[in-house]
Amino acid sequence: MARRLSSWLVGALSLLGAAACDPRTYPKDLPPTTELGSPRGYRVARSIIHLHSPFSHDACDGNGLPGGVPNEACYQDLRTALCTLHVDFANLTDHPAHMDEFEFSDLLLQRAGDVIEDGAFGPVANHVYCQNGAAPVMTVGFEDELMPYEMEQHLAPDQPTRDQLYNTNTPATVALLQGMANAVAGVAHTESKDTSYLLGLGMDSVEIYNIHANLDPDIRSEFLGLPPLDGGLALLSYIVNPTVVPVPDLAFLSYFLLSPIYFEKWNTLTDAGLHVTGTAGSDSHQNVLALTAPDGERMDGHRRLLKWISNHLLVNDVTFADEKDAVRNERNFVVVEGLGSPVGYDFYADAGSSVVGMGETGTLVPGSTTIHVPLPTLHPSAPGGGPADELTIKLKRVLPGGQDEVVATSVDASLAFAPTAPGAYRAEVWMVPNHLTPHLGPTPETYLVPTPWILTNHLYLQ
């Protein structure tokens, strides 16, 4: 999926004066998830996992707590993003510095119109007020070597003990977070984590994509095996000649890729019998590139990054408890919503009257069991004007040794596959995003290649 960024940049800069779509007219929002379908009676909920507020020491251009209070302008950017994008769950994962210095009543960042939800030990969620009717549920967590989210209380009453605990990464700490804090125990930046360490940790979720890792030169070089500067070169073109590049919300197409490192580790965990949910990490800090893009927003603004990729949970209702249940039980599609929001997507297997969805285990009945991957459609709010997209569904089965195999494919049609081998199966949908052609600058063909759109979690057949 590499984009040959250096040659692309040279080509783009040579086209001075070329016509481009007015970025100010490009849609900034995403549709409410009530419009995305109800697979098998579930409700789709858009969740951001791995997100930083002003309480992280390195957020808001390193000035998250001026005078010891949250940077209000930076926080309002975050709130505006959550409302504009109709986010259902916003899981804050601030760094222990300075998250462990504050109580949940502060960390939930309540403002006028918000409603705080209490749990057994005090505040657990902030139901954020939005003028457009969106109602994001904001929760507390932290990111260090571990990344628990949806915590219900701190692990200690005093800051020094919290700091010690939140900077450890042992199975005992994971168990404490899952028990005392009733948190979803996640791990971020799995590209840098040893597989043997992950196998013994006992966590609930791992990242299978992280925006920061995709861009950071050091991480790209050391852990992903990628040219360190290509991500930065892609963004450089917006500084040098912003009139001939794609609209800023599509900048990610210049450097976006899925690294096999994540999937090798996830496959290894799965093959070992561990049901660990794969999630996408937005990792938004609003601290990378303060440049104002042609659409009037920061290149690294919360709205732009959160629009890029999200987690679509299958829940019974948009509640604190329902999100926790969905993430712990693998009911999650990772969706690259910068390409548009999918409608009518699902992934399940049936054998007679038995239906097996993501995270569930069923019995393989040869000649009777069928795995279904309905072909999704693009929500009509997606920017259009180009030809029809080409969608390819890939059904994969996990193999030993961190590998997987494609067992079936379908182009522009739903997939129905009769498996003959037991195992863990997941599906991917890849898109050639032809509908974006008018918004891709003077060289749209650079981006009109198969690009990941949807990644499911596993269902299990035995």
Protein backbone atom coordinates (compact mmCIF):
# COMPACT_ATOMS: atom_id res chain seq x y z
CA MET A 1 0.00 0.00 0.00
CA ALA A 2 2.98 2.33 -0.03
CA ARG A 3 2.22 5.50 -1.96
CA ARG A 4 5.66 6.42 -3.33
CA LEU A 5 5.28 9.67 -1.46
CA SER A 6 8.46 11.40 -2.56
CA SER A 7 7.66 11.09 -6.26
CA TRP A 8 4.04 12.05 -5.56
CA LEU A 9 5.19 15.22 -3.81
CA VAL A 10 7.43 16.24 -6.71
CA GLY A 11 4.57 15.72 -9.12
CA ALA A 12 2.11 17.67 -7.00
CA LEU A 13 4.43 20.64 -6.59
CA SER A 14 4.97 20.84 -10.34
CA LEU A 15 1.29 21.51 -10.93
CA LEU A 16 1.15 25.09 -9.65
CA GLY A 17 -2.09 26.81 -10.40
CA ALA A 18 -4.03 23.63 -11.11
CA ALA A 19 -7.72 23.70 -10.26
CA ALA A 20 -8.79 21.98 -7.06
CA CYS A 21 -11.97 21.41 -5.13
CA ASP A 22 -12.69 24.22 -2.69
CA PRO A 23 -11.83 22.60 0.66
CA ARG A 24 -14.23 24.91 2.49
CA THR A 25 -17.18 23.15 0.88
CA TYR A 26 -16.01 19.64 1.79
CA PRO A 27 -18.29 18.09 4.46
CA LYS A 28 -16.79 18.24 7.93
CA ASP A 29 -19.27 15.94 9.68
CA LEU A 30 -20.23 12.29 9.81
CA PRO A 31 -23.81 10.99 9.85
CA PRO A 32 -25.56 9.92 13.04
CA THR A 33 -25.04 6.21 13.62
CA THR A 34 -28.81 5.71 13.74
CA GLU A 35 -28.59 5.95 9.94
CA LEU A 36 -26.04 3.15 9.50
CA GLY A 37 -28.33 0.16 9.87
CA SER A 38 -29.17 -2.29 12.64
CA PRO A 39 -27.28 -5.54 12.00
CA ARG A 40 -29.20 -8.44 13.54
CA GLY A 41 -31.03 -6.04 15.84
CA TYR A 42 -27.93 -4.34 17.24
CA ARG A 43 -27.41 -0.60 17.31
CA VAL A 44 -24.23 0.72 15.64
CA ALA A 45 -22.30 3.10 17.91
CA ARG A 46 -19.30 5.18 16.84
CA SER A 47 -16.50 4.94 19.42
CA ILE A 48 -13.21 6.80 19.63
CA ILE A 49 -10.65 4.76 21.55
CA HIS A 50 -7.29 6.35 22.45
CA LEU A 51 -7.93 10.06 22.77
CA HIS A 52 -6.14 12.85 24.66
CA SER A 53 -7.66 15.85 26.44
CA PRO A 54 -5.87 18.83 27.99
CA PHE A 55 -4.99 16.60 30.96
CA SER A 56 -2.23 14.90 28.93
CA HIS A 57 1.14 16.58 29.45
CA ASP A 58 1.88 16.70 25.73
CA ALA A 59 -1.58 17.68 24.45
CA CYS A 60 -2.63 21.10 23.18
CA ASP A 61 0.85 21.95 21.85
CA GLY A 62 2.28 21.08 25.26
CA ASN A 63 0.10 23.66 27.00
CA GLY A 64 -2.85 21.63 28.19
CA LEU A 65 -3.02 23.02 31.72
CA PRO A 66 -2.00 26.69 31.69
CA GLY A 67 -2.09 27.89 35.27
CA GLY A 68 -3.15 24.41 36.35
CA VAL A 69 -6.54 24.53 34.60
CA PRO A 70 -7.55 22.88 31.30
CA ASN A 71 -6.80 24.80 28.12
CA GLU A 72 -10.36 25.77 27.29
CA ALA A 73 -9.82 26.63 23.62
CA CYS A 74 -8.18 23.26 23.01
CA TYR A 75 -10.90 21.44 24.92
CA GLN A 76 -13.62 23.23 22.97
CA ASP A 77 -11.96 22.03 19.76
CA LEU A 78 -12.33 18.49 21.09
CA ARG A 79 -15.97 18.97 22.09
CA THR A 80 -16.79 20.50 18.72
CA ALA A 81 -15.18 17.52 16.99
CA LEU A 82 -17.17 15.00 19.01
CA CYS A 83 -20.44 16.80 18.29
CA THR A 84 -19.75 17.44 14.60
CA LEU A 85 -18.82 13.82 13.98
CA HIS A 86 -21.77 12.41 15.95
CA VAL A 87 -19.44 10.37 18.15
CA ASP A 88 -21.32 8.11 20.56
CA PHE A 89 -18.41 7.19 22.87
CA ALA A 90 -15.30 9.29 23.53
CA ASN A 91 -12.85 7.28 25.62
CA LEU A 92 -10.25 9.65 27.04
CA THR A 93 -6.89 7.97 27.61
CA ASP A 94 -4.74 10.74 29.02
CA HIS A 95 -1.17 10.20 30.10
CA PRO A 96 -0.65 9.63 33.84
CA ALA A 97 0.96 13.05 33.85
CA HIS A 98 -1.33 14.83 34.54
CA MET A 99 -4.32 12.52 34.65
CA ASP A 100 -3.34 10.88 37.93
CA GLU A 101 -3.25 14.28 39.68
CA PHE A 102 -7.01 14.85 39.26
CA GLU A 103 -10.23 13.20 40.34
CA PHE A 104 -12.83 11.83 37.93
CA SER A 105 -15.08 14.83 38.65
CA ASP A 106 -12.37 16.97 37.00
CA LEU A 107 -11.23 14.49 34.34
CA LEU A 108 -14.72 14.21 32.85
CA LEU A 109 -14.55 17.91 31.90
CA GLN A 110 -18.19 18.74 32.52
CA ARG A 111 -19.47 21.97 30.99
CA ALA A 112 -22.85 23.68 30.81
CA GLY A 113 -25.58 21.31 29.65
CA ASP A 114 -23.57 18.14 30.30
CA VAL A 115 -24.95 15.38 32.51
CA ILE A 116 -22.65 13.35 34.75
CA GLU A 117 -23.41 9.66 35.21
CA ASP A 118 -22.51 8.11 38.56
CA GLY A 119 -21.38 4.56 39.18
CA ALA A 120 -20.76 2.62 42.37
CA PHE A 121 -17.79 4.81 43.37
CA GLY A 122 -18.73 8.19 41.92
CA PRO A 123 -18.71 9.83 38.47
CA VAL A 124 -17.96 7.46 35.58
CA ALA A 125 -19.16 9.25 32.43
CA ASN A 126 -20.03 12.67 31.06
CA HIS A 127 -22.96 12.83 28.66
CA VAL A 128 -21.77 15.78 26.59
CA TYR A 129 -24.33 18.33 25.42
CA CYS A 130 -24.29 19.12 21.68
CA GLN A 131 -26.53 21.63 19.94
CA ASN A 132 -26.96 19.30 16.96
CA GLY A 133 -28.49 16.55 19.10
CA ALA A 134 -25.40 14.36 19.33
CA ALA A 135 -24.69 13.12 22.86
CA PRO A 136 -21.16 11.69 23.20
CA VAL A 137 -20.53 9.60 26.31
CA MET A 138 -17.10 10.67 27.61
CA THR A 139 -15.19 8.26 29.85
CA VAL A 140 -11.90 8.20 31.78
CA GLY A 141 -8.78 6.13 31.15
CA PHE A 142 -5.06 6.55 30.69
CA GLU A 143 -2.28 5.62 28.29
CA ASP A 144 1.17 4.52 29.31
CA GLU A 145 2.50 0.99 28.76
CA LEU A 146 -1.09 -0.08 29.41
CA MET A 147 -4.18 1.71 28.12
CA PRO A 148 -7.25 1.02 30.26
CA TYR A 149 -10.42 2.89 29.35
CA GLU A 150 -13.92 3.19 30.75
CA MET A 151 -12.44 3.19 34.25
CA GLU A 152 -14.86 3.56 37.14
CA GLN A 153 -12.42 4.79 39.78
CA HIS A 154 -8.74 5.44 40.42
CA LEU A 155 -6.65 2.57 41.76
CA ALA A 156 -5.53 4.56 44.78
CA PRO A 157 -6.66 7.66 46.69
CA ASP A 158 -3.27 9.41 46.50
CA GLN A 159 -1.35 10.64 43.45
CA PRO A 160 2.07 9.04 44.20
CA THR A 161 0.55 5.57 44.43
CA ARG A 162 -1.54 6.16 41.30
CA ASP A 163 1.54 7.30 39.42
CA GLN A 164 3.44 4.18 40.44
CA LEU A 165 0.59 1.88 39.41
CA TYR A 166 -0.20 3.66 36.15
CA ASN A 167 3.41 3.37 35.02
CA THR A 168 3.60 -0.39 35.50
CA ASN A 169 2.71 -3.01 32.92
CA THR A 170 2.33 -6.33 34.69
CA PRO A 171 -0.48 -8.90 34.53
CA ALA A 172 -1.20 -8.03 38.18
CA THR A 173 -1.84 -4.40 37.23
CA VAL A 174 -4.09 -5.51 34.38
CA ALA A 175 -6.10 -7.65 36.79
CA LEU A 176 -6.36 -4.75 39.22
CA LEU A 177 -7.62 -2.43 36.48
CA GLN A 178 -10.17 -5.00 35.31
CA GLY A 179 -11.28 -5.71 38.87
CA MET A 180 -11.05 -2.65 41.11
CA ALA A 181 -11.54 -0.08 38.32
CA ASN A 182 -13.78 -2.33 36.17
CA ALA A 183 -11.91 -0.98 33.16
CA VAL A 184 -11.49 -2.34 29.67
CA ALA A 185 -7.79 -3.25 29.72
CA GLY A 186 -6.28 -2.20 26.41
CA VAL A 187 -2.80 -1.93 25.00
CA ALA A 188 -1.82 0.88 22.64
CA HIS A 189 1.12 0.98 20.25
CA THR A 190 1.33 -2.77 19.97
CA GLU A 191 3.84 -2.27 17.19
CA SER A 192 6.44 -1.71 19.94
CA LYS A 193 5.29 -4.49 22.27
CA ASP A 194 6.89 -7.93 22.34
CA THR A 195 4.48 -10.70 21.38
CA SER A 196 5.45 -12.92 24.31
CA TYR A 197 4.68 -10.04 26.66
CA LEU A 198 1.26 -9.56 25.06
CA LEU A 199 0.50 -13.27 25.36
CA GLY A 200 0.85 -13.21 29.13
CA LEU A 201 -0.73 -9.84 29.89
CA GLY A 202 -4.43 -10.77 30.04
CA MET A 203 -5.75 -7.62 28.35
CA ASP A 204 -9.12 -7.13 26.65
CA SER A 205 -8.07 -5.20 23.52
CA VAL A 206 -5.09 -4.31 21.34
CA GLU A 207 -4.59 -1.66 18.71
CA ILE A 208 -4.44 -2.95 15.15
CA TYR A 209 -3.86 0.57 13.82
CA ASN A 210 -2.57 3.80 15.36
CA ILE A 211 -2.48 7.15 13.57
CA HIS A 212 0.52 8.43 15.54
CA ALA A 213 2.58 5.34 14.70
CA ASN A 214 1.62 5.69 11.04
CA LEU A 215 3.17 9.20 11.01
CA ASP A 216 5.96 9.29 13.59
CA PRO A 217 9.39 8.97 11.88
CA ASP A 218 10.98 7.11 14.79
CA ILE A 219 8.15 4.59 15.15
CA ARG A 220 7.95 4.09 11.39
CA SER A 221 11.66 3.34 11.19
CA GLU A 222 12.17 1.32 14.37
CA PHE A 223 8.98 -0.71 14.63
CA LEU A 224 7.08 -0.64 11.32
CA GLY A 225 10.01 -1.04 8.92
CA LEU A 226 8.93 1.99 6.89
CA PRO A 227 10.86 4.94 5.45
CA PRO A 228 10.85 7.36 8.39
CA LEU A 229 10.10 10.61 6.57
CA ASP A 230 7.50 9.66 3.99
CA GLY A 231 4.58 10.51 6.26
CA GLY A 232 6.00 13.98 6.87
CA LEU A 233 6.70 14.50 3.18
CA ALA A 234 3.05 13.86 2.44
CA LEU A 235 2.04 16.65 4.83
CA LEU A 236 4.81 18.98 3.63
CA SER A 237 2.96 19.52 0.38
CA TYR A 238 0.14 21.22 2.30
CA ILE A 239 2.64 23.77 3.59
CA VAL A 240 4.43 24.43 0.29
CA ASN A 241 1.54 24.41 -2.16
CA PRO A 242 -1.86 23.78 -0.61
CA THR A 243 -3.86 24.69 -3.71
CA VAL A 244 -3.11 21.55 -5.70
CA VAL A 245 -3.33 18.77 -3.14
CA PRO A 246 -6.47 16.90 -2.06
CA VAL A 247 -8.76 18.57 0.46
CA PRO A 248 -7.15 18.41 3.92
CA ASP A 249 -9.56 15.80 5.29
CA LEU A 250 -8.18 13.41 2.66
CA ALA A 251 -4.54 14.05 3.51
CA PHE A 252 -4.36 10.68 5.23
CA LEU A 253 -4.66 8.91 1.88
CA SER A 254 -1.13 10.10 1.13
CA TYR A 255 0.45 7.99 3.86
CA PHE A 256 -2.22 5.66 5.27
CA LEU A 257 -1.31 1.97 5.39
CA LEU A 258 -1.97 -1.08 7.49
CA SER A 259 1.20 -2.56 8.90
CA PRO A 260 1.45 -6.37 8.96
CA ILE A 261 3.21 -6.07 12.34
CA TYR A 262 -0.12 -5.46 14.10
CA PHE A 263 -1.83 -8.39 12.43
CA GLU A 264 1.03 -10.82 13.07
CA LYS A 265 0.72 -10.09 16.79
CA TRP A 266 -3.09 -10.15 16.80
CA ASN A 267 -3.06 -13.44 14.85
CA THR A 268 -0.62 -14.94 17.35
CA LEU A 269 -2.85 -13.99 20.27
CA THR A 270 -5.89 -15.38 18.47
CA ASP A 271 -4.16 -18.64 17.53
CA ALA A 272 -3.24 -19.05 21.20
CA GLY A 273 -6.95 -19.06 22.03
CA LEU A 274 -7.12 -15.50 23.36
CA HIS A 275 -10.19 -13.53 22.30
CA VAL A 276 -8.73 -10.02 22.24
CA THR A 277 -10.63 -7.18 20.55
CA GLY A 278 -8.84 -5.31 17.78
CA THR A 279 -9.34 -1.53 17.89
CA ALA A 280 -8.16 1.53 15.98
CA GLY A 281 -6.35 4.24 17.92
CA SER A 282 -7.02 7.83 16.92
CA ASP A 283 -4.34 9.05 19.38
CA SER A 284 -5.34 12.67 18.81
CA HIS A 285 -3.46 15.24 20.93
CA GLN A 286 -3.76 18.39 18.77
CA ASN A 287 -0.01 18.91 19.14
CA VAL A 288 1.62 17.87 15.87
CA LEU A 289 1.07 20.48 13.16
CA ALA A 290 -0.50 23.81 14.10
CA LEU A 291 -0.50 24.86 10.43
CA THR A 292 -3.85 26.24 9.27
CA ALA A 293 -4.98 24.24 6.24
CA PRO A 294 -6.94 25.68 3.28
CA ASP A 295 -10.23 24.79 5.00
CA GLY A 296 -9.38 27.09 7.92
CA GLU A 297 -8.65 24.34 10.46
CA ARG A 298 -5.44 22.97 11.89
CA MET A 299 -3.94 20.10 9.93
CA ASP A 300 -3.86 18.05 13.15
CA GLY A 301 -7.18 19.28 14.54
CA HIS A 302 -9.25 16.87 16.61
CA ARG A 303 -12.11 16.91 14.12
CA ARG A 304 -9.89 15.96 11.20
CA LEU A 305 -8.12 13.12 12.99
CA LEU A 306 -11.22 11.70 14.62
CA LYS A 307 -13.01 11.66 11.28
CA TRP A 308 -10.27 9.52 9.78
CA ILE A 309 -10.82 6.23 11.57
CA SER A 310 -13.24 4.97 14.21
CA ASN A 311 -14.61 1.90 15.92
CA HIS A 312 -18.18 0.82 15.14
CA LEU A 313 -19.48 -1.13 18.11
CA LEU A 314 -22.57 -3.31 18.03
CA VAL A 315 -24.51 -2.39 21.16
CA ASN A 316 -28.01 -2.79 22.52
CA ASP A 317 -28.08 0.86 23.53
CA VAL A 318 -25.69 3.82 23.74
CA THR A 319 -24.81 3.43 27.40
CA PHE A 320 -21.63 3.23 29.44
CA ALA A 321 -22.31 -0.43 30.29
CA ASP A 322 -23.22 -1.41 26.72
CA GLU A 323 -20.00 -0.03 25.27
CA LYS A 324 -17.95 -1.92 27.85
CA ASP A 325 -19.77 -5.14 27.00
CA ALA A 326 -19.29 -4.66 23.25
CA VAL A 327 -15.56 -3.96 23.46
CA ARG A 328 -14.88 -6.80 25.87
CA ASN A 329 -16.74 -9.20 23.58
CA GLU A 330 -15.20 -8.18 20.23
CA ARG A 331 -18.33 -6.66 18.71
CA ASN A 332 -16.36 -4.06 16.79
CA PHE A 333 -15.71 -3.07 13.19
CA VAL A 334 -12.77 -0.75 12.57
CA VAL A 335 -13.93 1.73 9.93
CA VAL A 336 -11.87 4.20 7.89
CA GLU A 337 -14.61 6.80 7.89
CA GLY A 338 -12.50 9.32 6.03
CA LEU A 339 -13.64 7.35 2.98
CA GLY A 340 -17.29 7.54 4.03
CA SER A 341 -19.58 5.76 6.48
CA PRO A 342 -20.80 2.23 5.65
CA VAL A 343 -24.50 1.37 5.78
CA GLY A 344 -25.88 -2.14 6.23
CA TYR A 345 -22.64 -3.87 7.11
CA ASP A 346 -22.48 -7.05 9.17
CA PHE A 347 -20.40 -10.19 9.65
CA TYR A 348 -21.81 -13.47 10.97
CA ALA A 349 -22.14 -17.20 10.39
CA ASP A 350 -25.20 -19.39 10.50
CA ALA A 351 -25.79 -23.10 10.77
CA GLY A 352 -29.47 -23.77 10.73
CA SER A 353 -31.05 -21.74 13.52
CA SER A 354 -27.72 -20.93 15.20
CA VAL A 355 -26.16 -17.52 14.43
CA VAL A 356 -22.58 -16.67 15.40
CA GLY A 357 -21.38 -13.06 15.37
CA MET A 358 -18.09 -11.36 16.18
CA GLY A 359 -16.62 -12.61 19.44
CA GLU A 360 -18.88 -15.65 19.52
CA THR A 361 -18.07 -19.33 19.06
CA GLY A 362 -20.19 -21.81 17.14
CA THR A 363 -19.99 -25.35 15.87
CA LEU A 364 -18.91 -25.87 12.29
CA VAL A 365 -21.46 -28.04 10.52
CA PRO A 366 -20.02 -29.05 7.12
CA GLY A 367 -22.49 -28.37 4.35
CA SER A 368 -24.68 -26.28 6.62
CA THR A 369 -22.55 -23.51 8.13
CA THR A 370 -22.26 -20.36 6.01
CA ILE A 371 -20.29 -17.21 6.76
CA HIS A 372 -22.01 -14.05 5.55
CA VAL A 373 -20.46 -10.68 4.72
CA PRO A 374 -23.14 -8.35 3.30
CA LEU A 375 -21.89 -5.75 0.85
CA PRO A 376 -22.15 -2.34 2.55
CA THR A 377 -23.28 0.80 0.80
CA LEU A 378 -21.89 4.29 1.20
CA HIS A 379 -23.96 6.67 3.30
CA PRO A 380 -25.40 9.37 1.02
CA SER A 381 -23.72 12.13 3.04
CA ALA A 382 -20.33 11.06 1.67
CA PRO A 383 -18.91 13.56 -0.82
CA GLY A 384 -19.46 12.33 -4.33
CA GLY A 385 -19.11 13.31 -7.93
CA GLY A 386 -16.89 10.48 -9.09
CA PRO A 387 -17.59 7.07 -10.60
CA ALA A 388 -18.86 4.14 -8.55
CA ASP A 389 -16.41 2.63 -6.10
CA GLU A 390 -15.00 -0.86 -6.45
CA LEU A 391 -15.45 -2.87 -3.25
CA THR A 392 -13.62 -6.10 -2.52
CA ILE A 393 -14.54 -8.31 0.42
CA LYS A 394 -11.80 -10.55 1.79
CA LEU A 395 -12.58 -13.34 4.25
CA LYS A 396 -9.54 -14.43 6.27
CA ARG A 397 -8.79 -17.32 8.61
CA VAL A 398 -6.07 -17.18 11.27
CA LEU A 399 -3.15 -19.60 10.86
CA PRO A 400 -0.37 -20.56 13.27
CA GLY A 401 2.79 -18.49 13.39
CA GLY A 402 1.11 -15.10 13.25
CA GLN A 403 -0.20 -15.63 9.73
CA ASP A 404 -3.63 -15.64 8.13
CA GLU A 405 -5.01 -16.73 4.78
CA VAL A 406 -7.62 -15.35 2.42
CA VAL A 407 -10.20 -18.10 2.04
CA ALA A 408 -12.74 -16.24 -0.10
CA THR A 409 -13.19 -12.96 -1.95
CA SER A 410 -16.04 -11.13 -3.59
CA VAL A 411 -16.03 -8.02 -5.79
CA ASP A 412 -18.99 -5.63 -5.65
CA ALA A 413 -21.21 -8.36 -4.21
CA SER A 414 -22.07 -9.82 -0.83
CA LEU A 415 -20.02 -12.84 0.19
CA ALA A 416 -21.41 -16.16 1.37
CA PHE A 417 -18.83 -18.84 2.12
CA ALA A 418 -19.23 -22.42 3.31
CA PRO A 419 -16.18 -23.10 5.53
CA THR A 420 -14.71 -26.59 5.77
CA ALA A 421 -12.07 -25.87 8.42
CA PRO A 422 -12.58 -24.68 11.99
CA GLY A 423 -10.81 -21.56 13.19
CA ALA A 424 -11.00 -17.83 13.76
CA TYR A 425 -12.39 -15.88 10.81
CA ARG A 426 -12.56 -12.15 10.12
CA ALA A 427 -13.50 -10.00 7.14
CA GLU A 428 -12.10 -6.94 5.42
CA VAL A 429 -13.66 -4.61 2.89
CA TRP A 430 -11.29 -2.74 0.57
CA MET A 431 -12.37 0.22 -1.53
CA VAL A 432 -11.09 1.91 -4.64
CA PRO A 433 -12.55 5.30 -3.61
CA ASN A 434 -13.63 6.52 -7.03
CA HIS A 435 -16.40 8.65 -5.50
CA LEU A 436 -13.71 10.98 -4.12
CA THR A 437 -12.19 11.74 -7.53
CA PRO A 438 -13.30 15.42 -7.67
CA HIS A 439 -11.71 16.04 -4.26
CA LEU A 440 -8.31 14.43 -4.84
CA GLY A 441 -6.46 17.27 -6.56
CA PRO A 442 -4.82 17.17 -9.98
CA THR A 443 -3.52 13.59 -9.74
CA PRO A 444 -6.46 11.56 -8.40
CA GLU A 445 -5.12 8.33 -9.88
CA THR A 446 -2.47 8.35 -7.14
CA TYR A 447 -5.19 7.60 -4.59
CA LEU A 448 -7.55 5.47 -6.64
CA VAL A 449 -6.07 2.19 -5.45
CA PRO A 450 -7.49 -0.51 -3.15
CA THR A 451 -7.64 1.00 0.33
CA PRO A 452 -8.86 -0.62 3.57
CA TRP A 453 -12.34 0.56 4.54
CA ILE A 454 -13.69 -1.93 7.11
CA LEU A 455 -11.93 -4.49 9.34
CA THR A 456 -13.99 -6.83 11.51
CA ASN A 457 -13.11 -8.70 14.65
CA HIS A 458 -13.21 -12.50 14.70
CA LEU A 459 -15.92 -15.08 14.90
CA TYR A 460 -14.92 -18.59 15.91
CA LEU A 461 -15.93 -21.96 14.52
CA GLN A 462 -14.98 -25.23 16.17
